[in-house]
């Protein structure tokens, strides 16, 4: 009986391991700015804008150094000046690319979950010719931020603390839901193997029990 209980405990542990992994997936937020709602050139014509995540963009060493710089709160405060409010955060940094021949300035509306018309927000653009971050004209709507650019390259989105918390929460919820609904292939294989092991263990217990009864 003790052997049977031991086998049963092992089977339960093996079966439970993969499900504990699936119940609490690790959440990785790639970015808060999720989409471009619209983009127009200086003549009001729609244009196709490419938006790249921080890890996917081929930034130069100079641009990457500038991106690291903007993460420093003291530098951020100095750049924003009187537009800075306590609790402001850089919630995302993107590389924005316009098609060749685009007539500047361009106006782009970004989808940003968590922001509203009352949100304090600033968009910063790194001007490679001036080698400096610059504030661009910004307008905040419900779930959107609109900015006008005279050139394009790295762009940083800065919002107040309340909007930052809401944006991160919304993005984390979406990411977690996606992971829960679409487990990785490796995780599915682990579940399959665990079921096989559990089945073998239960079969073994049945055989042992049957033999003891016959004896």
Foldseek 3Di string as FASTA:
>chain_A
DVVLVVLLVVLVVLLVVLVVCLVDDDFDFQAQFDFWPFKAAPVRHTFDKDKATPVGDPDDPLVVVQVVVCQDPVSVCVQCPPLDDPQKHFRGKIFMDTDPPGHDFMKIKIFGFQWAQPKRKWKWAQDPVVSGIHTFDWGDHHRIIMTIDRDTTMMIIMIHNRSSVRSVVVSRVVRSVVCSVDPDPVSVVSNVVSVVSSVVSVVVSVVVVVVVVVD
